Amino acid sequence: MMLGDQAQAKSPIAEIICEPTIHMHDKLTRQFGSHRVATGVRSPEQVMEVWTSRSGAWTMVITYANGTSCIVAMGKDWLAHKIEEPARG
């Protein structure tokens, strides 16, 4: 049965991975060759970060005010879109 097989498929990150923020940033930079390319405030206690590598891999991280960061999603083929400014004339 197709649906049963799909329901049992494992996520690329079966569990959320959390570490002290300084260790998380070091791991993303050194081990994965990633750089933080975007941040956004989710709440007074949380900042969302997107990290990407030259290979196109991306990682979404939540950084908490208590000094912990957690990887919540990962993927491949990241593509940043350039915002075109309207012509002035």
C-alpha atoms as a PDB file:
ATOM      1  CA  MET A   1       0.000   0.000   0.000  1.00  0.00           C
ATOM      2  CA  MET A   2       1.504   3.315  -1.075  1.00  0.00           C
ATOM      3  CA  LEU A   3       0.175   5.554   1.700  1.00  0.00           C
ATOM      4  CA  GLY A   4       1.489   3.289   4.449  1.00  0.00           C
ATOM      5  CA  ASP A   5       4.971   3.327   2.931  1.00  0.00           C
ATOM      6  CA  GLN A   6       4.978   7.115   2.704  1.00  0.00           C
ATOM      7  CA  ALA A   7       3.715   7.539   6.258  1.00  0.00           C
ATOM      8  CA  GLN A   8       6.700   5.556   7.534  1.00  0.00           C
ATOM      9  CA  ALA A   9       9.280   7.614   5.644  1.00  0.00           C
ATOM     10  CA  LYS A  10      11.833   9.209   7.973  1.00  0.00           C
ATOM     11  CA  SER A  11      12.430  12.915   8.144  1.00  0.00           C
ATOM     12  CA  PRO A  12      15.970  14.111   7.267  1.00  0.00           C
ATOM     13  CA  ILE A  13      16.072  15.392  10.850  1.00  0.00           C
ATOM     14  CA  ALA A  14      14.048  12.949  12.928  1.00  0.00           C
ATOM     15  CA  GLU A  15      14.562  15.036  16.042  1.00  0.00           C
ATOM     16  CA  ILE A  16      15.130  18.730  16.562  1.00  0.00           C
ATOM     17  CA  ILE A  17      18.832  19.287  17.269  1.00  0.00           C
ATOM     18  CA  CYS A  18      19.603  21.864  19.985  1.00  0.00           C
ATOM     19  CA  GLU A  19      22.928  23.151  21.306  1.00  0.00           C
ATOM     20  CA  PRO A  20      24.290  26.267  22.948  1.00  0.00           C
ATOM     21  CA  THR A  21      24.154  29.013  20.297  1.00  0.00           C
ATOM     22  CA  ILE A  22      27.926  29.477  20.116  1.00  0.00           C
ATOM     23  CA  HIS A  23      28.392  25.744  19.418  1.00  0.00           C
ATOM     24  CA  MET A  24      25.575  25.689  16.852  1.00  0.00           C
ATOM     25  CA  HIS A  25      27.017  28.657  14.950  1.00  0.00           C
ATOM     26  CA  ASP A  26      30.506  27.119  15.056  1.00  0.00           C
ATOM     27  CA  LYS A  27      29.200  23.768  13.755  1.00  0.00           C
ATOM     28  CA  LEU A  28      27.236  25.400  10.924  1.00  0.00           C
ATOM     29  CA  THR A  29      30.230  27.494   9.900  1.00  0.00           C
ATOM     30  CA  ARG A  30      33.065  24.993  10.265  1.00  0.00           C
ATOM     31  CA  GLN A  31      31.435  21.598   9.678  1.00  0.00           C
ATOM     32  CA  PHE A  32      28.859  22.557   7.044  1.00  0.00           C
ATOM     33  CA  GLY A  33      30.514  25.611   5.471  1.00  0.00           C
ATOM     34  CA  SER A  34      27.340  27.633   5.996  1.00  0.00           C
ATOM     35  CA  HIS A  35      26.808  31.351   6.475  1.00  0.00           C
ATOM     36  CA  ARG A  36      23.847  33.122   8.060  1.00  0.00           C
ATOM     37  CA  VAL A  37      21.982  34.890   5.253  1.00  0.00           C
ATOM     38  CA  ALA A  38      18.753  35.966   6.939  1.00  0.00           C
ATOM     39  CA  THR A  39      17.284  36.611  10.367  1.00  0.00           C
ATOM     40  CA  GLY A  40      13.874  37.604  11.621  1.00  0.00           C
ATOM     41  CA  VAL A  41      12.347  38.170  15.039  1.00  0.00           C
ATOM     42  CA  ARG A  42       9.693  35.574  15.817  1.00  0.00           C
ATOM     43  CA  SER A  43       8.979  36.782  19.350  1.00  0.00           C
ATOM     44  CA  PRO A  44      10.829  38.706  22.074  1.00  0.00           C
ATOM     45  CA  GLU A  45      12.481  35.389  23.014  1.00  0.00           C
ATOM     46  CA  GLN A  46      13.119  33.869  19.551  1.00  0.00           C
ATOM     47  CA  VAL A  47      15.003  34.770  16.376  1.00  0.00           C
ATOM     48  CA  MET A  48      14.682  32.708  13.183  1.00  0.00           C
ATOM     49  CA  GLU A  49      17.876  32.290  11.165  1.00  0.00           C
ATOM     50  CA  VAL A  50      18.509  30.883   7.709  1.00  0.00           C
ATOM     51  CA  TRP A  51      21.987  29.501   7.006  1.00  0.00           C
ATOM     52  CA  THR A  52      23.106  28.493   3.511  1.00  0.00           C
ATOM     53  CA  SER A  53      26.197  26.939   1.954  1.00  0.00           C
ATOM     54  CA  ARG A  54      27.735  27.333  -1.498  1.00  0.00           C
ATOM     55  CA  SER A  55      26.371  23.907  -2.425  1.00  0.00           C
ATOM     56  CA  GLY A  56      22.807  25.204  -1.973  1.00  0.00           C
ATOM     57  CA  ALA A  57      22.135  23.392   1.301  1.00  0.00           C
ATOM     58  CA  TRP A  58      20.070  25.407   3.783  1.00  0.00           C
ATOM     59  CA  THR A  59      19.354  25.153   7.483  1.00  0.00           C
ATOM     60  CA  MET A  60      16.643  26.947   9.479  1.00  0.00           C
ATOM     61  CA  VAL A  61      17.539  27.627  13.105  1.00  0.00           C
ATOM     62  CA  ILE A  62      15.598  29.108  16.020  1.00  0.00           C
ATOM     63  CA  THR A  63      17.832  30.987  18.434  1.00  0.00           C
ATOM     64  CA  TYR A  64      16.372  31.511  21.893  1.00  0.00           C
ATOM     65  CA  ALA A  65      17.142  34.332  24.329  1.00  0.00           C
ATOM     66  CA  ASN A  66      18.390  31.746  26.851  1.00  0.00           C
ATOM     67  CA  GLY A  67      21.446  31.011  24.656  1.00  0.00           C
ATOM     68  CA  THR A  68      20.200  27.845  22.953  1.00  0.00           C
ATOM     69  CA  SER A  69      19.757  27.340  19.208  1.00  0.00           C
ATOM     70  CA  CYS A  70      17.797  24.548  17.527  1.00  0.00           C
ATOM     71  CA  ILE A  71      17.821  23.292  13.938  1.00  0.00           C
ATOM     72  CA  VAL A  72      14.166  22.992  12.907  1.00  0.00           C
ATOM     73  CA  ALA A  73      14.477  22.346   9.156  1.00  0.00           C
ATOM     74  CA  MET A  74      17.102  21.499   6.543  1.00  0.00           C
ATOM     75  CA  GLY A  75      17.029  21.182   2.780  1.00  0.00           C
ATOM     76  CA  LYS A  76      18.838  21.669  -0.494  1.00  0.00           C
ATOM     77  CA  ASP A  77      18.707  23.870  -3.595  1.00  0.00           C
ATOM     78  CA  TRP A  78      18.349  27.205  -1.747  1.00  0.00           C
ATOM     79  CA  LEU A  79      17.786  30.063  -4.172  1.00  0.00           C
ATOM     80  CA  ALA A  80      17.812  33.691  -3.047  1.00  0.00           C
ATOM     81  CA  HIS A  81      15.603  35.966  -5.107  1.00  0.00           C
ATOM     82  CA  LYS A  82      16.783  39.471  -5.928  1.00  0.00           C
ATOM     83  CA  ILE A  83      14.241  42.180  -5.277  1.00  0.00           C
ATOM     84  CA  GLU A  84      13.987  44.413  -8.295  1.00  0.00           C
ATOM     85  CA  GLU A  85      13.661  48.106  -7.496  1.00  0.00           C
ATOM     86  CA  PRO A  86      11.254  50.013  -9.761  1.00  0.00           C
ATOM     87  CA  ALA A  87      12.896  52.284 -12.314  1.00  0.00           C
ATOM     88  CA  ARG A  88      13.001  55.915 -11.302  1.00  0.00           C
ATOM     89  CA  GLY A  89      12.259  58.414 -13.928  1.00  0.00           C
END
